[in-house]
Amino acid sequence: MSKHNVKIWDSFTRVYHISQLVLLACLWYTGEEGIFEWHFIAGFTLLALWLTRIFWGFAGSQTSRFSHFIKTPVAVVKAWRNNDIARPHVGHNPVGGYMVMALLLTLGLQLTTGLFSSDDVFSEGPLYAYVSEDIATFMVSWHKTLFDVLLILIGLHAIAGILHWIRGDNVIGAIFTGRKNKTSLGDETQVQFKNGLIAIVIWVLLSAVVNYFGLNLSSY
């Protein structure tokens, strides 16, 4: 690894970024094709990943913690006015932090509505039997709508990444390598890390538990 690069993400954060995109693609494909057993498996696995990311946002590495990249609205406006968001950051910049939270919130709601939804033919989410038909219909509607919202947010996130890459801040490459150019970051290179394998193990174990109970309660 080049001495001019500095580590900014732990192994779990890199796995999270890539796995999230892969699982969302699987959910879209299996949903469109009506392959609901695998749709549920992908959904439960993504739910476990989402829960692990929330945990890691409080107990994980410095750049993964919400306290590191969630700033007050005043600080965000100030960073925007000073064009501070254009310079390379270790982790997320102030505006990017709010985008991360928007993605997490939307994804969490989308996964939650899926637990209560049904296609009115063969498949039912694990919690469908515990709500009324009106609530189930409401959940189905929002489950579909929120996925579209997710696609829009992911598209905006990708565009922002391309713009930063053009300006010399290779945030897209950092997703895969976990590193950025040390020179572009200036003095902001001291980051405290937790072992990302801890979160990966938590995700694997949680996936097994969620899939076990989720699949036993679902019908497809």
C-alpha atoms as a PDB file:
ATOM      1  CA  MET A   1       0.000   0.000   0.000  1.00  0.00           C
ATOM      2  CA  SER A   2       1.344   3.443  -0.948  1.00  0.00           C
ATOM      3  CA  LYS A   3       2.803   5.535   1.876  1.00  0.00           C
ATOM      4  CA  HIS A   4       0.842   8.448   0.430  1.00  0.00           C
ATOM      5  CA  ASN A   5      -2.464   6.797   1.363  1.00  0.00           C
ATOM      6  CA  VAL A   6      -4.066   6.877   4.783  1.00  0.00           C
ATOM      7  CA  LYS A   7      -6.700   4.539   6.189  1.00  0.00           C
ATOM      8  CA  ILE A   8     -10.128   6.140   6.740  1.00  0.00           C
ATOM      9  CA  TRP A   9     -12.527   3.154   6.904  1.00  0.00           C
ATOM     10  CA  ASP A  10     -12.378  -0.116   8.812  1.00  0.00           C
ATOM     11  CA  SER A  11     -13.114  -3.466   7.133  1.00  0.00           C
ATOM     12  CA  PHE A  12     -16.768  -3.585   8.218  1.00  0.00           C
ATOM     13  CA  THR A  13     -17.565  -0.162   6.785  1.00  0.00           C
ATOM     14  CA  ARG A  14     -16.179  -1.225   3.410  1.00  0.00           C
ATOM     15  CA  VAL A  15     -18.125  -4.499   3.574  1.00  0.00           C
ATOM     16  CA  TYR A  16     -21.250  -2.558   4.547  1.00  0.00           C
ATOM     17  CA  HIS A  17     -21.084  -0.193   1.565  1.00  0.00           C
ATOM     18  CA  ILE A  18     -20.579  -2.968  -0.982  1.00  0.00           C
ATOM     19  CA  SER A  19     -22.952  -5.522   0.577  1.00  0.00           C
ATOM     20  CA  GLN A  20     -25.728  -2.967   0.854  1.00  0.00           C
ATOM     21  CA  LEU A  21     -25.650  -2.288  -2.880  1.00  0.00           C
ATOM     22  CA  VAL A  22     -25.478  -6.004  -3.742  1.00  0.00           C
ATOM     23  CA  LEU A  23     -28.403  -6.862  -1.455  1.00  0.00           C
ATOM     24  CA  LEU A  24     -30.520  -3.982  -2.777  1.00  0.00           C
ATOM     25  CA  ALA A  25     -29.898  -5.217  -6.322  1.00  0.00           C
ATOM     26  CA  CYS A  26     -30.956  -8.726  -5.226  1.00  0.00           C
ATOM     27  CA  LEU A  27     -34.092  -7.347  -3.598  1.00  0.00           C
ATOM     28  CA  TRP A  28     -35.033  -5.448  -6.734  1.00  0.00           C
ATOM     29  CA  TYR A  29     -34.477  -8.464  -8.997  1.00  0.00           C
ATOM     30  CA  THR A  30     -36.206 -11.025  -6.784  1.00  0.00           C
ATOM     31  CA  GLY A  31     -39.116  -8.662  -6.182  1.00  0.00           C
ATOM     32  CA  GLU A  32     -39.583  -8.016  -9.899  1.00  0.00           C
ATOM     33  CA  GLU A  33     -39.323 -11.723 -10.749  1.00  0.00           C
ATOM     34  CA  GLY A  34     -41.490 -12.902  -7.872  1.00  0.00           C
ATOM     35  CA  ILE A  35     -38.738 -15.032  -6.312  1.00  0.00           C
ATOM     36  CA  PHE A  36     -40.013 -14.335  -2.827  1.00  0.00           C
ATOM     37  CA  GLU A  37     -38.033 -16.904  -0.832  1.00  0.00           C
ATOM     38  CA  TRP A  38     -34.791 -15.268  -1.936  1.00  0.00           C
ATOM     39  CA  HIS A  39     -36.411 -11.843  -1.630  1.00  0.00           C
ATOM     40  CA  PHE A  40     -37.042 -12.549   2.045  1.00  0.00           C
ATOM     41  CA  ILE A  41     -33.543 -13.951   2.575  1.00  0.00           C
ATOM     42  CA  ALA A  42     -31.953 -10.865   1.013  1.00  0.00           C
ATOM     43  CA  GLY A  43     -34.286  -8.613   3.010  1.00  0.00           C
ATOM     44  CA  PHE A  44     -33.552 -10.276   6.343  1.00  0.00           C
ATOM     45  CA  THR A  45     -29.820 -10.246   5.622  1.00  0.00           C
ATOM     46  CA  LEU A  46     -29.999  -6.537   4.778  1.00  0.00           C
ATOM     47  CA  LEU A  47     -32.018  -5.881   7.934  1.00  0.00           C
ATOM     48  CA  ALA A  48     -29.266  -7.552   9.975  1.00  0.00           C
ATOM     49  CA  LEU A  49     -26.681  -5.430   8.143  1.00  0.00           C
ATOM     50  CA  TRP A  50     -28.697  -2.280   8.854  1.00  0.00           C
ATOM     51  CA  LEU A  51     -28.978  -3.113  12.568  1.00  0.00           C
ATOM     52  CA  THR A  52     -25.235  -3.801  12.724  1.00  0.00           C
ATOM     53  CA  ARG A  53     -24.523  -0.448  11.058  1.00  0.00           C
ATOM     54  CA  ILE A  54     -26.666   1.341  13.659  1.00  0.00           C
ATOM     55  CA  PHE A  55     -24.716  -0.421  16.412  1.00  0.00           C
ATOM     56  CA  TRP A  56     -21.418   0.474  14.708  1.00  0.00           C
ATOM     57  CA  GLY A  57     -22.549   4.094  14.521  1.00  0.00           C
ATOM     58  CA  PHE A  58     -22.323   4.246  18.307  1.00  0.00           C
ATOM     59  CA  ALA A  59     -19.617   1.705  19.155  1.00  0.00           C
ATOM     60  CA  GLY A  60     -17.508   1.480  16.001  1.00  0.00           C
ATOM     61  CA  SER A  61     -14.494   3.240  14.548  1.00  0.00           C
ATOM     62  CA  GLN A  62     -14.203   7.008  14.715  1.00  0.00           C
ATOM     63  CA  THR A  63     -15.190   7.670  11.093  1.00  0.00           C
ATOM     64  CA  SER A  64     -18.168   5.294  11.391  1.00  0.00           C
ATOM     65  CA  ARG A  65     -19.656   6.939  14.462  1.00  0.00           C
ATOM     66  CA  PHE A  66     -22.618   9.254  14.015  1.00  0.00           C
ATOM     67  CA  SER A  67     -20.994  11.741  16.380  1.00  0.00           C
ATOM     68  CA  HIS A  68     -18.108  12.076  13.922  1.00  0.00           C
ATOM     69  CA  PHE A  69     -20.093  13.164  10.875  1.00  0.00           C
ATOM     70  CA  ILE A  70     -23.472  14.435  12.092  1.00  0.00           C
ATOM     71  CA  LYS A  71     -23.135  18.163  12.618  1.00  0.00           C
ATOM     72  CA  THR A  72     -25.661  20.776  13.681  1.00  0.00           C
ATOM     73  CA  PRO A  73     -27.658  22.518  10.911  1.00  0.00           C
ATOM     74  CA  VAL A  74     -25.748  25.714  11.694  1.00  0.00           C
ATOM     75  CA  ALA A  75     -22.422  23.935  11.149  1.00  0.00           C
ATOM     76  CA  VAL A  76     -23.673  22.460   7.874  1.00  0.00           C
ATOM     77  CA  VAL A  77     -24.801  25.858   6.555  1.00  0.00           C
ATOM     78  CA  LYS A  78     -21.465  27.369   7.583  1.00  0.00           C
ATOM     79  CA  ALA A  79     -19.559  24.568   5.824  1.00  0.00           C
ATOM     80  CA  TRP A  80     -21.653  25.102   2.691  1.00  0.00           C
ATOM     81  CA  ARG A  81     -21.046  28.872   2.674  1.00  0.00           C
ATOM     82  CA  ASN A  82     -17.304  28.425   3.205  1.00  0.00           C
ATOM     83  CA  ASN A  83     -17.192  25.729   0.515  1.00  0.00           C
ATOM     84  CA  ASP A  84     -15.759  23.416   3.151  1.00  0.00           C
ATOM     85  CA  ILE A  85     -17.699  20.483   1.699  1.00  0.00           C
ATOM     86  CA  ALA A  86     -15.600  20.667  -1.451  1.00  0.00           C
ATOM     87  CA  ARG A  87     -12.333  19.777   0.294  1.00  0.00           C
ATOM     88  CA  PRO A  88     -11.416  16.145   1.050  1.00  0.00           C
ATOM     89  CA  HIS A  89     -12.528  14.892   4.458  1.00  0.00           C
ATOM     90  CA  VAL A  90     -11.621  11.912   6.565  1.00  0.00           C
ATOM     91  CA  GLY A  91     -14.969  10.133   6.462  1.00  0.00           C
ATOM     92  CA  HIS A  92     -18.095  12.073   5.510  1.00  0.00           C
ATOM     93  CA  ASN A  93     -18.272  15.822   5.103  1.00  0.00           C
ATOM     94  CA  PRO A  94     -21.039  17.744   6.985  1.00  0.00           C
ATOM     95  CA  VAL A  95     -23.540  17.545   4.104  1.00  0.00           C
ATOM     96  CA  GLY A  96     -22.635  13.944   3.283  1.00  0.00           C
ATOM     97  CA  GLY A  97     -23.363  13.028   6.899  1.00  0.00           C
ATOM     98  CA  TYR A  98     -26.980  14.089   6.480  1.00  0.00           C
ATOM     99  CA  MET A  99     -27.209  12.068   3.270  1.00  0.00           C
ATOM    100  CA  VAL A 100     -25.967   9.002   5.141  1.00  0.00           C
ATOM    101  CA  MET A 101     -28.661   9.492   7.775  1.00  0.00           C
ATOM    102  CA  ALA A 102     -31.330   9.971   5.094  1.00  0.00           C
ATOM    103  CA  LEU A 103     -30.257   6.693   3.474  1.00  0.00           C
ATOM    104  CA  LEU A 104     -30.254   4.855   6.803  1.00  0.00           C
ATOM    105  CA  LEU A 105     -33.665   6.217   7.787  1.00  0.00           C
ATOM    106  CA  THR A 106     -35.243   5.433   4.414  1.00  0.00           C
ATOM    107  CA  LEU A 107     -33.703   1.973   4.307  1.00  0.00           C
ATOM    108  CA  GLY A 108     -34.877   1.247   7.848  1.00  0.00           C
ATOM    109  CA  LEU A 109     -38.444   2.268   6.994  1.00  0.00           C
ATOM    110  CA  GLN A 110     -38.364   0.285   3.759  1.00  0.00           C
ATOM    111  CA  LEU A 111     -37.215  -2.856   5.544  1.00  0.00           C
ATOM    112  CA  THR A 112     -39.775  -2.375   8.322  1.00  0.00           C
ATOM    113  CA  THR A 113     -42.703  -2.016   5.925  1.00  0.00           C
ATOM    114  CA  GLY A 114     -41.563  -5.200   4.179  1.00  0.00           C
ATOM    115  CA  LEU A 115     -42.080  -7.148   7.396  1.00  0.00           C
ATOM    116  CA  PHE A 116     -45.807  -6.334   7.309  1.00  0.00           C
ATOM    117  CA  SER A 117     -46.454  -6.513   3.569  1.00  0.00           C
ATOM    118  CA  SER A 118     -48.132  -9.079   1.317  1.00  0.00           C
ATOM    119  CA  ASP A 119     -48.656  -9.565  -2.409  1.00  0.00           C
ATOM    120  CA  ASP A 120     -52.254 -10.741  -1.742  1.00  0.00           C
ATOM    121  CA  VAL A 121     -51.500 -14.063  -3.470  1.00  0.00           C
ATOM    122  CA  PHE A 122     -48.694 -16.233  -2.110  1.00  0.00           C
ATOM    123  CA  SER A 123     -46.190 -14.237  -0.057  1.00  0.00           C
ATOM    124  CA  GLU A 124     -46.584 -12.601   3.313  1.00  0.00           C
ATOM    125  CA  GLY A 125     -44.082 -10.822   5.498  1.00  0.00           C
ATOM    126  CA  PRO A 126     -43.372 -12.298   8.947  1.00  0.00           C
ATOM    127  CA  LEU A 127     -45.526  -9.712  10.735  1.00  0.00           C
ATOM    128  CA  TYR A 128     -48.383  -9.599   8.200  1.00  0.00           C
ATOM    129  CA  ALA A 129     -50.659 -11.820  10.300  1.00  0.00           C
ATOM    130  CA  TYR A 130     -50.411  -9.448  13.261  1.00  0.00           C
ATOM    131  CA  VAL A 131     -51.964  -6.389  11.572  1.00  0.00           C
ATOM    132  CA  SER A 132     -55.252  -5.550   9.885  1.00  0.00           C
ATOM    133  CA  GLU A 133     -55.743  -5.720   6.127  1.00  0.00           C
ATOM    134  CA  ASP A 134     -55.855  -1.923   5.906  1.00  0.00           C
ATOM    135  CA  ILE A 135     -52.502  -1.607   7.656  1.00  0.00           C
ATOM    136  CA  ALA A 136     -51.019  -4.329   5.444  1.00  0.00           C
ATOM    137  CA  THR A 137     -52.190  -2.488   2.317  1.00  0.00           C
ATOM    138  CA  PHE A 138     -50.676   0.721   3.668  1.00  0.00           C
ATOM    139  CA  MET A 139     -47.384  -1.071   4.308  1.00  0.00           C
ATOM    140  CA  VAL A 140     -47.286  -2.562   0.795  1.00  0.00           C
ATOM    141  CA  SER A 141     -47.805   0.881  -0.734  1.00  0.00           C
ATOM    142  CA  TRP A 142     -45.018   2.450   1.286  1.00  0.00           C
ATOM    143  CA  HIS A 143     -42.714  -0.546   0.792  1.00  0.00           C
ATOM    144  CA  LYS A 144     -42.788   0.125  -2.949  1.00  0.00           C
ATOM    145  CA  THR A 145     -42.610   3.916  -2.641  1.00  0.00           C
ATOM    146  CA  LEU A 146     -39.679   3.888  -0.234  1.00  0.00           C
ATOM    147  CA  PHE A 147     -37.658   1.709  -2.592  1.00  0.00           C
ATOM    148  CA  ASP A 148     -38.064   4.394  -5.272  1.00  0.00           C
ATOM    149  CA  VAL A 149     -36.979   7.021  -2.738  1.00  0.00           C
ATOM    150  CA  LEU A 150     -33.927   4.881  -1.961  1.00  0.00           C
ATOM    151  CA  LEU A 151     -32.993   4.753  -5.639  1.00  0.00           C
ATOM    152  CA  ILE A 152     -33.207   8.550  -5.853  1.00  0.00           C
ATOM    153  CA  LEU A 153     -31.025   9.007  -2.761  1.00  0.00           C
ATOM    154  CA  ILE A 154     -28.482   6.471  -4.025  1.00  0.00           C
ATOM    155  CA  GLY A 155     -28.407   8.292  -7.372  1.00  0.00           C
ATOM    156  CA  LEU A 156     -27.770  11.634  -5.659  1.00  0.00           C
ATOM    157  CA  HIS A 157     -25.094  10.023  -3.505  1.00  0.00           C
ATOM    158  CA  ALA A 158     -23.396   8.614  -6.603  1.00  0.00           C
ATOM    159  CA  ILE A 159     -23.507  11.972  -8.400  1.00  0.00           C
ATOM    160  CA  ALA A 160     -21.959  13.664  -5.367  1.00  0.00           C
ATOM    161  CA  GLY A 161     -19.232  11.002  -5.341  1.00  0.00           C
ATOM    162  CA  ILE A 162     -18.455  11.634  -9.014  1.00  0.00           C
ATOM    163  CA  LEU A 163     -18.255  15.398  -8.419  1.00  0.00           C
ATOM    164  CA  HIS A 164     -15.844  14.872  -5.532  1.00  0.00           C
ATOM    165  CA  TRP A 165     -13.776  12.508  -7.689  1.00  0.00           C
ATOM    166  CA  ILE A 166     -13.547  15.185 -10.408  1.00  0.00           C
ATOM    167  CA  ARG A 167     -12.295  17.632  -7.767  1.00  0.00           C
ATOM    168  CA  GLY A 168      -9.592  15.182  -6.700  1.00  0.00           C
ATOM    169  CA  ASP A 169     -11.321  13.610  -3.709  1.00  0.00           C
ATOM    170  CA  ASN A 170     -11.665   9.948  -4.665  1.00  0.00           C
ATOM    171  CA  VAL A 171     -14.488   9.002  -2.273  1.00  0.00           C
ATOM    172  CA  ILE A 172     -15.691   6.238  -4.613  1.00  0.00           C
ATOM    173  CA  GLY A 173     -12.326   4.500  -4.592  1.00  0.00           C
ATOM    174  CA  ALA A 174     -12.179   4.885  -0.806  1.00  0.00           C
ATOM    175  CA  ILE A 175     -15.350   2.783  -0.497  1.00  0.00           C
ATOM    176  CA  PHE A 176     -13.454  -0.201  -1.920  1.00  0.00           C
ATOM    177  CA  THR A 177      -9.951   0.439  -0.572  1.00  0.00           C
ATOM    178  CA  GLY A 178     -10.791   2.149   2.731  1.00  0.00           C
ATOM    179  CA  ARG A 179      -8.045   4.697   2.039  1.00  0.00           C
ATOM    180  CA  LYS A 180      -7.572   8.234   0.735  1.00  0.00           C
ATOM    181  CA  ASN A 181      -4.604  10.240  -0.451  1.00  0.00           C
ATOM    182  CA  LYS A 182      -2.793  11.543   2.614  1.00  0.00           C
ATOM    183  CA  THR A 183      -1.611  14.740   0.938  1.00  0.00           C
ATOM    184  CA  SER A 184      -5.162  15.867   0.048  1.00  0.00           C
ATOM    185  CA  LEU A 185      -6.302  15.494   3.660  1.00  0.00           C
ATOM    186  CA  GLY A 186      -3.690  17.779   5.153  1.00  0.00           C
ATOM    187  CA  ASP A 187      -3.277  17.289   8.904  1.00  0.00           C
ATOM    188  CA  GLU A 188      -6.618  15.499   9.334  1.00  0.00           C
ATOM    189  CA  THR A 189      -5.262  11.953   9.207  1.00  0.00           C
ATOM    190  CA  GLN A 190      -5.348  10.683  12.807  1.00  0.00           C
ATOM    191  CA  VAL A 191      -8.259   8.239  13.070  1.00  0.00           C
ATOM    192  CA  GLN A 192      -9.081   5.784  15.846  1.00  0.00           C
ATOM    193  CA  PHE A 193     -10.260   2.389  14.616  1.00  0.00           C
ATOM    194  CA  LYS A 194     -12.076  -0.569  16.104  1.00  0.00           C
ATOM    195  CA  ASN A 195     -11.571  -4.046  14.672  1.00  0.00           C
ATOM    196  CA  GLY A 196     -14.076  -4.251  11.816  1.00  0.00           C
ATOM    197  CA  LEU A 197     -14.147  -8.045  12.080  1.00  0.00           C
ATOM    198  CA  ILE A 198     -16.151  -7.644  15.283  1.00  0.00           C
ATOM    199  CA  ALA A 199     -18.993  -5.981  13.374  1.00  0.00           C
ATOM    200  CA  ILE A 200     -18.740  -8.485  10.513  1.00  0.00           C
ATOM    201  CA  VAL A 201     -19.135 -11.372  12.967  1.00  0.00           C
ATOM    202  CA  ILE A 202     -22.095  -9.601  14.594  1.00  0.00           C
ATOM    203  CA  TRP A 203     -23.690  -9.182  11.156  1.00  0.00           C
ATOM    204  CA  VAL A 204     -23.216 -12.860  10.270  1.00  0.00           C
ATOM    205  CA  LEU A 205     -24.665 -14.069  13.570  1.00  0.00           C
ATOM    206  CA  LEU A 206     -27.527 -11.586  13.460  1.00  0.00           C
ATOM    207  CA  SER A 207     -28.284 -12.582   9.850  1.00  0.00           C
ATOM    208  CA  ALA A 208     -28.613 -16.213  10.927  1.00  0.00           C
ATOM    209  CA  VAL A 209     -30.997 -15.298  13.749  1.00  0.00           C
ATOM    210  CA  VAL A 210     -33.134 -12.892  11.703  1.00  0.00           C
ATOM    211  CA  ASN A 211     -33.348 -15.291   8.752  1.00  0.00           C
ATOM    212  CA  TYR A 212     -34.251 -18.221  11.018  1.00  0.00           C
ATOM    213  CA  PHE A 213     -37.149 -16.483  12.733  1.00  0.00           C
ATOM    214  CA  GLY A 214     -38.142 -14.394   9.723  1.00  0.00           C
ATOM    215  CA  LEU A 215     -38.380 -17.318   7.311  1.00  0.00           C
ATOM    216  CA  ASN A 216     -40.317 -19.413   9.821  1.00  0.00           C
ATOM    217  CA  LEU A 217     -42.906 -16.642  10.188  1.00  0.00           C
ATOM    218  CA  SER A 218     -43.109 -15.782   6.470  1.00  0.00           C
ATOM    219  CA  SER A 219     -45.039 -17.546   3.739  1.00  0.00           C
ATOM    220  CA  TYR A 220     -44.048 -17.591   0.078  1.00  0.00           C
END
